[in-house]
PDB file of all heavy atoms in Angstrom:
ATOM      1  N   SER A   1      15.020 -10.334 -19.779  1.00  0.00           N
ATOM      2  CA  SER A   1      16.315 -10.910 -19.395  1.00  0.00           C
ATOM      3  C   SER A   1      17.072 -11.282 -20.663  1.00  0.00           C
ATOM      4  O   SER A   1      16.577 -12.053 -21.478  1.00  0.00           O
ATOM      5  CB  SER A   1      16.122 -12.146 -18.514  1.00  0.00           C
ATOM      6  OG  SER A   1      15.394 -13.151 -19.193  1.00  0.00           O
ATOM      7  N   PRO A   2      18.260 -10.746 -20.863  1.00  0.00           N
ATOM      8  CA  PRO A   2      19.011 -11.056 -22.083  1.00  0.00           C
ATOM      9  C   PRO A   2      19.573 -12.475 -22.062  1.00  0.00           C
ATOM     10  O   PRO A   2      19.719 -13.083 -21.005  1.00  0.00           O
ATOM     11  CB  PRO A   2      20.135 -10.026 -22.066  1.00  0.00           C
ATOM     12  CG  PRO A   2      20.334  -9.724 -20.605  1.00  0.00           C
ATOM     13  CD  PRO A   2      18.978  -9.820 -19.984  1.00  0.00           C
ATOM     14  N   GLY A   3      19.917 -13.000 -23.234  1.00  0.00           N
ATOM     15  CA  GLY A   3      20.547 -14.316 -23.328  1.00  0.00           C
ATOM     16  C   GLY A   3      19.561 -15.387 -23.710  1.00  0.00           C
ATOM     17  O   GLY A   3      18.477 -15.138 -24.228  1.00  0.00           O
ATOM     18  N   GLN A   4      19.938 -16.641 -23.428  1.00  0.00           N
ATOM     19  CA  GLN A   4      19.078 -17.786 -23.660  1.00  0.00           C
ATOM     20  C   GLN A   4      19.357 -18.826 -22.593  1.00  0.00           C
ATOM     21  O   GLN A   4      20.451 -18.863 -22.018  1.00  0.00           O
ATOM     22  CB  GLN A   4      19.315 -18.377 -25.048  1.00  0.00           C
ATOM     23  CG  GLN A   4      20.716 -18.913 -25.280  1.00  0.00           C
ATOM     24  CD  GLN A   4      20.886 -19.454 -26.695  1.00  0.00           C
ATOM     25  OE1 GLN A   4      20.041 -19.284 -27.549  1.00  0.00           O
ATOM     26  NE2 GLN A   4      21.998 -20.125 -26.932  1.00  0.00           N
ATOM     27  N   PRO A   5      18.384 -19.675 -22.272  1.00  0.00           N
ATOM     28  CA  PRO A   5      18.598 -20.689 -21.240  1.00  0.00           C
ATOM     29  C   PRO A   5      19.823 -21.548 -21.546  1.00  0.00           C
ATOM     30  O   PRO A   5      20.079 -21.918 -22.691  1.00  0.00           O
ATOM     31  CB  PRO A   5      17.310 -21.503 -21.291  1.00  0.00           C
ATOM     32  CG  PRO A   5      16.274 -20.535 -21.766  1.00  0.00           C
ATOM     33  CD  PRO A   5      16.989 -19.681 -22.764  1.00  0.00           C
ATOM     34  N   SER A   6      20.582 -21.863 -20.503  1.00  0.00           N
ATOM     35  CA  SER A   6      21.852 -22.573 -20.680  1.00  0.00           C
ATOM     36  C   SER A   6      22.252 -23.216 -19.361  1.00  0.00           C
ATOM     37  O   SER A   6      21.785 -22.823 -18.291  1.00  0.00           O
ATOM     38  CB  SER A   6      22.932 -21.573 -21.127  1.00  0.00           C
ATOM     39  OG  SER A   6      24.203 -22.188 -21.179  1.00  0.00           O
ATOM     40  N   ALA A   7      23.138 -24.203 -19.460  1.00  0.00           N
ATOM     41  CA  ALA A   7      23.745 -24.760 -18.250  1.00  0.00           C
ATOM     42  C   ALA A   7      24.979 -23.984 -17.835  1.00  0.00           C
ATOM     43  O   ALA A   7      25.460 -24.116 -16.709  1.00  0.00           O
ATOM     44  CB  ALA A   7      24.110 -26.224 -18.473  1.00  0.00           C
ATOM     45  N   LEU A   8      25.511 -23.184 -18.747  1.00  0.00           N
ATOM     46  CA  LEU A   8      26.696 -22.380 -18.453  1.00  0.00           C
ATOM     47  C   LEU A   8      26.304 -21.111 -17.722  1.00  0.00           C
ATOM     48  O   LEU A   8      25.386 -20.402 -18.140  1.00  0.00           O
ATOM     49  CB  LEU A   8      27.417 -22.004 -19.744  1.00  0.00           C
ATOM     50  CG  LEU A   8      28.446 -22.965 -20.309  1.00  0.00           C
ATOM     51  CD1 LEU A   8      28.920 -22.474 -21.666  1.00  0.00           C
ATOM     52  CD2 LEU A   8      29.626 -23.121 -19.362  1.00  0.00           C
ATOM     53  N   GLY A   9      27.004 -20.831 -16.665  1.00  0.00           N
ATOM     54  CA  GLY A   9      26.751 -19.610 -15.915  1.00  0.00           C
ATOM     55  C   GLY A   9      27.773 -19.472 -14.817  1.00  0.00           C
ATOM     56  O   GLY A   9      28.883 -20.001 -14.899  1.00  0.00           O
ATOM     57  N   ASP A  10      27.405 -18.770 -13.780  1.00  0.00           N
ATOM     58  CA  ASP A  10      28.260 -18.669 -12.609  1.00  0.00           C
ATOM     59  C   ASP A  10      27.382 -18.552 -11.374  1.00  0.00           C
ATOM     60  O   ASP A  10      26.161 -18.436 -11.470  1.00  0.00           O
ATOM     61  CB  ASP A  10      29.232 -17.479 -12.720  1.00  0.00           C
ATOM     62  CG  ASP A  10      28.508 -16.150 -12.863  1.00  0.00           C
ATOM     63  OD1 ASP A  10      27.258 -16.134 -12.835  1.00  0.00           O
ATOM     64  OD2 ASP A  10      29.185 -15.117 -12.999  1.00  0.00           O
ATOM     65  N   HIS A  11      28.016 -18.617 -10.229  1.00  0.00           N
ATOM     66  CA  HIS A  11      27.287 -18.564  -8.966  1.00  0.00           C
ATOM     67  C   HIS A  11      27.515 -17.206  -8.308  1.00  0.00           C
ATOM     68  O   HIS A  11      28.666 -16.785  -8.119  1.00  0.00           O
ATOM     69  CB  HIS A  11      27.750 -19.686  -8.031  1.00  0.00           C
ATOM     70  CG  HIS A  11      27.341 -21.050  -8.487  1.00  0.00           C
ATOM     71  ND1 HIS A  11      28.024 -21.745  -9.469  1.00  0.00           N
ATOM     72  CD2 HIS A  11      26.307 -21.849  -8.110  1.00  0.00           C
ATOM     73  CE1 HIS A  11      27.437 -22.914  -9.664  1.00  0.00           C
ATOM     74  NE2 HIS A  11      26.393 -23.002  -8.860  1.00  0.00           N
ATOM     75  N   GLN A  12      26.436 -16.543  -7.967  1.00  0.00           N
ATOM     76  CA  GLN A  12      26.501 -15.254  -7.294  1.00  0.00           C
ATOM     77  C   GLN A  12      25.384 -15.171  -6.263  1.00  0.00           C
ATOM     78  O   GLN A  12      24.339 -15.807  -6.404  1.00  0.00           O
ATOM     79  CB  GLN A  12      26.332 -14.105  -8.293  1.00  0.00           C
ATOM     80  CG  GLN A  12      27.383 -13.998  -9.369  1.00  0.00           C
ATOM     81  CD  GLN A  12      27.147 -12.793 -10.267  1.00  0.00           C
ATOM     82  OE1 GLN A  12      26.502 -11.815  -9.859  1.00  0.00           O
ATOM     83  NE2 GLN A  12      27.661 -12.852 -11.487  1.00  0.00           N
ATOM     84  N   PHE A  13      25.603 -14.346  -5.240  1.00  0.00           N
ATOM     85  CA  PHE A  13      24.508 -14.040  -4.312  1.00  0.00           C
ATOM     86  C   PHE A  13      23.609 -12.953  -4.889  1.00  0.00           C
ATOM     87  O   PHE A  13      22.434 -12.860  -4.531  1.00  0.00           O
ATOM     88  CB  PHE A  13      25.065 -13.619  -2.959  1.00  0.00           C
ATOM     89  CG  PHE A  13      25.638 -14.768  -2.178  1.00  0.00           C
ATOM     90  CD1 PHE A  13      27.000 -14.956  -2.104  1.00  0.00           C
ATOM     91  CD2 PHE A  13      24.811 -15.681  -1.544  1.00  0.00           C
ATOM     92  CE1 PHE A  13      27.534 -16.024  -1.397  1.00  0.00           C
ATOM     93  CE2 PHE A  13      25.326 -16.759  -0.841  1.00  0.00           C
ATOM     94  CZ  PHE A  13      26.695 -16.927  -0.772  1.00  0.00           C
ATOM     95  N   HIS A  14      24.145 -12.156  -5.769  1.00  0.00           N
ATOM     96  CA  HIS A  14      23.374 -11.127  -6.463  1.00  0.00           C
ATOM     97  C   HIS A  14      22.189 -11.769  -7.173  1.00  0.00           C
ATOM     98  O   HIS A  14      22.351 -12.737  -7.913  1.00  0.00           O
ATOM     99  CB  HIS A  14      24.293 -10.426  -7.470  1.00  0.00           C
ATOM    100  CG  HIS A  14      23.611  -9.473  -8.379  1.00  0.00           C
ATOM    101  ND1 HIS A  14      23.082  -8.283  -7.955  1.00  0.00           N
ATOM    102  CD2 HIS A  14      23.356  -9.528  -9.719  1.00  0.00           C
ATOM    103  CE1 HIS A  14      22.545  -7.642  -8.979  1.00  0.00           C
ATOM    104  NE2 HIS A  14      22.700  -8.384 -10.058  1.00  0.00           N
ATOM    105  N   ALA A  15      20.990 -11.263  -6.948  1.00  0.00           N
ATOM    106  CA  ALA A  15      19.789 -11.834  -7.567  1.00  0.00           C
ATOM    107  C   ALA A  15      19.714 -11.412  -9.029  1.00  0.00           C
ATOM    108  O   ALA A  15      19.755 -10.216  -9.350  1.00  0.00           O
ATOM    109  CB  ALA A  15      18.543 -11.374  -6.828  1.00  0.00           C
ATOM    110  N   ARG A  16      19.599 -12.412  -9.917  1.00  0.00           N
ATOM    111  CA  ARG A  16      19.548 -12.158 -11.356  1.00  0.00           C
ATOM    112  C   ARG A  16      18.361 -12.887 -11.964  1.00  0.00           C
ATOM    113  O   ARG A  16      18.138 -14.065 -11.671  1.00  0.00           O
ATOM    114  CB  ARG A  16      20.841 -12.636 -12.032  1.00  0.00           C
ATOM    115  CG  ARG A  16      22.087 -11.893 -11.586  1.00  0.00           C
ATOM    116  CD  ARG A  16      23.330 -12.615 -12.061  1.00  0.00           C
ATOM    117  NE  ARG A  16      23.527 -13.883 -11.365  1.00  0.00           N
ATOM    118  CZ  ARG A  16      24.408 -14.807 -11.734  1.00  0.00           C
ATOM    119  NH1 ARG A  16      25.127 -14.623 -12.823  1.00  0.00           N
ATOM    120  NH2 ARG A  16      24.532 -15.921 -11.037  1.00  0.00           N
ATOM    121  N   ALA A  17      17.647 -12.204 -12.818  1.00  0.00           N
ATOM    122  CA  ALA A  17      16.490 -12.825 -13.481  1.00  0.00           C
ATOM    123  C   ALA A  17      16.944 -14.046 -14.274  1.00  0.00           C
ATOM    124  O   ALA A  17      17.892 -13.982 -15.050  1.00  0.00           O
ATOM    125  CB  ALA A  17      15.804 -11.821 -14.388  1.00  0.00           C
ATOM    126  N   GLY A  18      16.255 -15.145 -14.058  1.00  0.00           N
ATOM    127  CA  GLY A  18      16.566 -16.389 -14.747  1.00  0.00           C
ATOM    128  C   GLY A  18      17.472 -17.323 -13.974  1.00  0.00           C
ATOM    129  O   GLY A  18      17.635 -18.481 -14.367  1.00  0.00           O
ATOM    130  N   TYR A  19      18.047 -16.846 -12.895  1.00  0.00           N
ATOM    131  CA  TYR A  19      18.970 -17.662 -12.103  1.00  0.00           C
ATOM    132  C   TYR A  19      18.327 -18.112 -10.792  1.00  0.00           C
ATOM    133  O   TYR A  19      17.393 -17.480 -10.283  1.00  0.00           O
ATOM    134  CB  TYR A  19      20.250 -16.877 -11.795  1.00  0.00           C
ATOM    135  CG  TYR A  19      21.259 -16.873 -12.920  1.00  0.00           C
ATOM    136  CD1 TYR A  19      21.083 -16.046 -14.025  1.00  0.00           C
ATOM    137  CD2 TYR A  19      22.374 -17.693 -12.882  1.00  0.00           C
ATOM    138  CE1 TYR A  19      22.003 -16.043 -15.066  1.00  0.00           C
ATOM    139  CE2 TYR A  19      23.300 -17.691 -13.915  1.00  0.00           C
ATOM    140  CZ  TYR A  19      23.113 -16.865 -15.006  1.00  0.00           C
ATOM    141  OH  TYR A  19      24.024 -16.868 -16.035  1.00  0.00           O
ATOM    142  N   HIS A  20      18.868 -19.182 -10.257  1.00  0.00           N
ATOM    143  CA  HIS A  20      18.446 -19.709  -8.962  1.00  0.00           C
ATOM    144  C   HIS A  20      18.686 -18.676  -7.862  1.00  0.00           C
ATOM    145  O   HIS A  20      19.717 -18.002  -7.834  1.00  0.00           O
ATOM    146  CB  HIS A  20      19.254 -20.987  -8.687  1.00  0.00           C
ATOM    147  CG  HIS A  20      19.152 -21.511  -7.305  1.00  0.00           C
ATOM    148  ND1 HIS A  20      20.078 -21.220  -6.322  1.00  0.00           N
ATOM    149  CD2 HIS A  20      18.248 -22.344  -6.722  1.00  0.00           C
ATOM    150  CE1 HIS A  20      19.761 -21.837  -5.208  1.00  0.00           C
ATOM    151  NE2 HIS A  20      18.647 -22.527  -5.416  1.00  0.00           N
ATOM    152  N   LEU A  21      17.738 -18.543  -6.954  1.00  0.00           N
ATOM    153  CA  LEU A  21      17.886 -17.630  -5.819  1.00  0.00           C
ATOM    154  C   LEU A  21      18.837 -18.238  -4.796  1.00  0.00           C
ATOM    155  O   LEU A  21      18.648 -19.377  -4.357  1.00  0.00           O
ATOM    156  CB  LEU A  21      16.532 -17.370  -5.159  1.00  0.00           C
ATOM    157  CG  LEU A  21      16.557 -16.400  -3.978  1.00  0.00           C
ATOM    158  CD1 LEU A  21      16.761 -14.968  -4.454  1.00  0.00           C
ATOM    159  CD2 LEU A  21      15.277 -16.531  -3.139  1.00  0.00           C
ATOM    160  N   ALA A  22      19.868 -17.509  -4.437  1.00  0.00           N
ATOM    161  CA  ALA A  22      20.794 -17.981  -3.412  1.00  0.00           C
ATOM    162  C   ALA A  22      20.162 -17.825  -2.030  1.00  0.00           C
ATOM    163  O   ALA A  22      19.295 -16.978  -1.821  1.00  0.00           O
ATOM    164  CB  ALA A  22      22.098 -17.182  -3.479  1.00  0.00           C
ATOM    165  N   PRO A  23      20.589 -18.625  -1.065  1.00  0.00           N
ATOM    166  CA  PRO A  23      20.041 -18.497   0.287  1.00  0.00           C
ATOM    167  C   PRO A  23      20.585 -17.251   0.979  1.00  0.00           C
ATOM    168  O   PRO A  23      21.590 -16.678   0.566  1.00  0.00           O
ATOM    169  CB  PRO A  23      20.521 -19.775   0.980  1.00  0.00           C
ATOM    170  CG  PRO A  23      21.803 -20.104   0.276  1.00  0.00           C
ATOM    171  CD  PRO A  23      21.604 -19.687  -1.156  1.00  0.00           C
ATOM    172  N   ALA A  24      19.924 -16.850   2.039  1.00  0.00           N
ATOM    173  CA  ALA A  24      20.397 -15.719   2.843  1.00  0.00           C
ATOM    174  C   ALA A  24      19.801 -15.837   4.233  1.00  0.00           C
ATOM    175  O   ALA A  24      18.602 -16.102   4.386  1.00  0.00           O
ATOM    176  CB  ALA A  24      20.011 -14.387   2.210  1.00  0.00           C
ATOM    177  N   VAL A  25      20.631 -15.649   5.236  1.00  0.00           N
ATOM    178  CA  VAL A  25      20.161 -15.585   6.613  1.00  0.00           C
ATOM    179  C   VAL A  25      19.781 -14.134   6.903  1.00  0.00           C
ATOM    180  O   VAL A  25      20.576 -13.213   6.706  1.00  0.00           O
ATOM    181  CB  VAL A  25      21.233 -16.072   7.596  1.00  0.00           C
ATOM    182  CG1 VAL A  25      20.749 -15.924   9.035  1.00  0.00           C
ATOM    183  CG2 VAL A  25      21.584 -17.525   7.309  1.00  0.00           C
ATOM    184  N   LEU A  26      18.553 -13.928   7.367  1.00  0.00           N
ATOM    185  CA  LEU A  26      18.031 -12.589   7.592  1.00  0.00           C
ATOM    186  C   LEU A  26      18.413 -12.075   8.970  1.00  0.00           C
ATOM    187  O   LEU A  26      18.965 -12.811   9.798  1.00  0.00           O
ATOM    188  CB  LEU A  26      16.520 -12.598   7.406  1.00  0.00           C
ATOM    189  CG  LEU A  26      16.034 -13.160   6.058  1.00  0.00           C
ATOM    190  CD1 LEU A  26      14.519 -13.188   6.003  1.00  0.00           C
ATOM    191  CD2 LEU A  26      16.615 -12.346   4.908  1.00  0.00           C
ATOM    192  N   SER A  27      18.112 -10.813   9.212  1.00  0.00           N
ATOM    193  CA  SER A  27      18.534 -10.175  10.467  1.00  0.00           C
ATOM    194  C   SER A  27      17.902 -10.823  11.685  1.00  0.00           C
ATOM    195  O   SER A  27      18.462 -10.745  12.788  1.00  0.00           O
ATOM    196  CB  SER A  27      18.188  -8.685  10.429  1.00  0.00           C
ATOM    197  OG  SER A  27      16.793  -8.491  10.224  1.00  0.00           O
ATOM    198  N   ASP A  28      16.740 -11.463  11.503  1.00  0.00           N
ATOM    199  CA  ASP A  28      16.105 -12.132  12.640  1.00  0.00           C
ATOM    200  C   ASP A  28      16.588 -13.571  12.813  1.00  0.00           C
ATOM    201  O   ASP A  28      16.064 -14.316  13.642  1.00  0.00           O
ATOM    202  CB  ASP A  28      14.586 -12.099  12.503  1.00  0.00           C
ATOM    203  CG  ASP A  28      14.084 -12.843  11.270  1.00  0.00           C
ATOM    204  OD1 ASP A  28      14.921 -13.385  10.507  1.00  0.00           O
ATOM    205  OD2 ASP A  28      12.859 -12.891  11.060  1.00  0.00           O
ATOM    206  N   GLY A  29      17.580 -13.982  12.010  1.00  0.00           N
ATOM    207  CA  GLY A  29      18.131 -15.325  12.132  1.00  0.00           C
ATOM    208  C   GLY A  29      17.439 -16.366  11.285  1.00  0.00           C
ATOM    209  O   GLY A  29      17.892 -17.517  11.223  1.00  0.00           O
ATOM    210  N   THR A  30      16.347 -16.004  10.595  1.00  0.00           N
ATOM    211  CA  THR A  30      15.649 -16.970   9.752  1.00  0.00           C
ATOM    212  C   THR A  30      16.268 -17.006   8.360  1.00  0.00           C
ATOM    213  O   THR A  30      16.988 -16.105   7.948  1.00  0.00           O
ATOM    214  CB  THR A  30      14.159 -16.619   9.635  1.00  0.00           C
ATOM    215  OG1 THR A  30      14.019 -15.329   9.025  1.00  0.00           O
ATOM    216  CG2 THR A  30      13.500 -16.610  11.006  1.00  0.00           C
ATOM    217  N   GLN A  31      15.959 -18.065   7.641  1.00  0.00           N
ATOM    218  CA  GLN A  31      16.442 -18.234   6.276  1.00  0.00           C
ATOM    219  C   GLN A  31      15.389 -17.695   5.305  1.00  0.00           C
ATOM    220  O   GLN A  31      14.191 -17.926   5.470  1.00  0.00           O
ATOM    221  CB  GLN A  31      16.707 -19.721   6.029  1.00  0.00           C
ATOM    222  CG  GLN A  31      17.014 -20.136   4.622  1.00  0.00           C
ATOM    223  CD  GLN A  31      18.196 -19.413   4.012  1.00  0.00           C
ATOM    224  OE1 GLN A  31      18.046 -18.702   3.029  1.00  0.00           O
ATOM    225  NE2 GLN A  31      19.373 -19.603   4.617  1.00  0.00           N
ATOM    226  N   VAL A  32      15.821 -16.998   4.268  1.00  0.00           N
ATOM    227  CA  VAL A  32      14.875 -16.401   3.335  1.00  0.00           C
ATOM    228  C   VAL A  32      13.975 -17.457   2.701  1.00  0.00           C
ATOM    229  O   VAL A  32      12.788 -17.206   2.448  1.00  0.00           O
ATOM    230  CB  VAL A  32      15.620 -15.579   2.249  1.00  0.00           C
ATOM    231  CG1 VAL A  32      16.399 -16.499   1.313  1.00  0.00           C
ATOM    232  CG2 VAL A  32      14.655 -14.703   1.475  1.00  0.00           C
ATOM    233  N   PHE A  33      14.478 -18.673   2.495  1.00  0.00           N
ATOM    234  CA  PHE A  33      13.655 -19.722   1.897  1.00  0.00           C
ATOM    235  C   PHE A  33      12.472 -20.090   2.783  1.00  0.00           C
ATOM    236  O   PHE A  33      11.461 -20.590   2.282  1.00  0.00           O
ATOM    237  CB  PHE A  33      14.500 -20.958   1.601  1.00  0.00           C
ATOM    238  CG  PHE A  33      15.271 -20.876   0.305  1.00  0.00           C
ATOM    239  CD1 PHE A  33      16.486 -20.233   0.247  1.00  0.00           C
ATOM    240  CD2 PHE A  33      14.774 -21.442  -0.855  1.00  0.00           C
ATOM    241  CE1 PHE A  33      17.195 -20.145  -0.940  1.00  0.00           C
ATOM    242  CE2 PHE A  33      15.465 -21.366  -2.047  1.00  0.00           C
ATOM    243  CZ  PHE A  33      16.688 -20.719  -2.099  1.00  0.00           C
ATOM    244  N   ASP A  34      12.595 -19.844   4.094  1.00  0.00           N
ATOM    245  CA  ASP A  34      11.485 -20.148   4.997  1.00  0.00           C
ATOM    246  C   ASP A  34      10.305 -19.215   4.778  1.00  0.00           C
ATOM    247  O   ASP A  34       9.185 -19.506   5.223  1.00  0.00           O
ATOM    248  CB  ASP A  34      11.948 -20.047   6.445  1.00  0.00           C
ATOM    249  CG  ASP A  34      12.993 -21.082   6.795  1.00  0.00           C
ATOM    250  OD1 ASP A  34      13.038 -22.130   6.127  1.00  0.00           O
ATOM    251  OD2 ASP A  34      13.787 -20.834   7.735  1.00  0.00           O
ATOM    252  N   HIS A  35      10.525 -18.096   4.103  1.00  0.00           N
ATOM    253  CA  HIS A  35       9.472 -17.101   3.912  1.00  0.00           C
ATOM    254  C   HIS A  35       8.830 -17.181   2.531  1.00  0.00           C
ATOM    255  O   HIS A  35       7.852 -16.485   2.276  1.00  0.00           O
ATOM    256  CB  HIS A  35      10.052 -15.694   4.124  1.00  0.00           C
ATOM    257  CG  HIS A  35      10.586 -15.468   5.501  1.00  0.00           C
ATOM    258  ND1 HIS A  35       9.794 -15.016   6.545  1.00  0.00           N
ATOM    259  CD2 HIS A  35      11.828 -15.646   6.023  1.00  0.00           C
ATOM    260  CE1 HIS A  35      10.531 -14.916   7.638  1.00  0.00           C
ATOM    261  NE2 HIS A  35      11.766 -15.286   7.354  1.00  0.00           N
TER     262      HIS A  35
END
């Protein structure tokens, strides 16, 4: 993963190495965090 740890960034649903995973409601109605 390029770069260095920082507080500066942006928010995206796109999954990026080093960033927080955004939530997502799956096709069965469950939340990805539940899995």
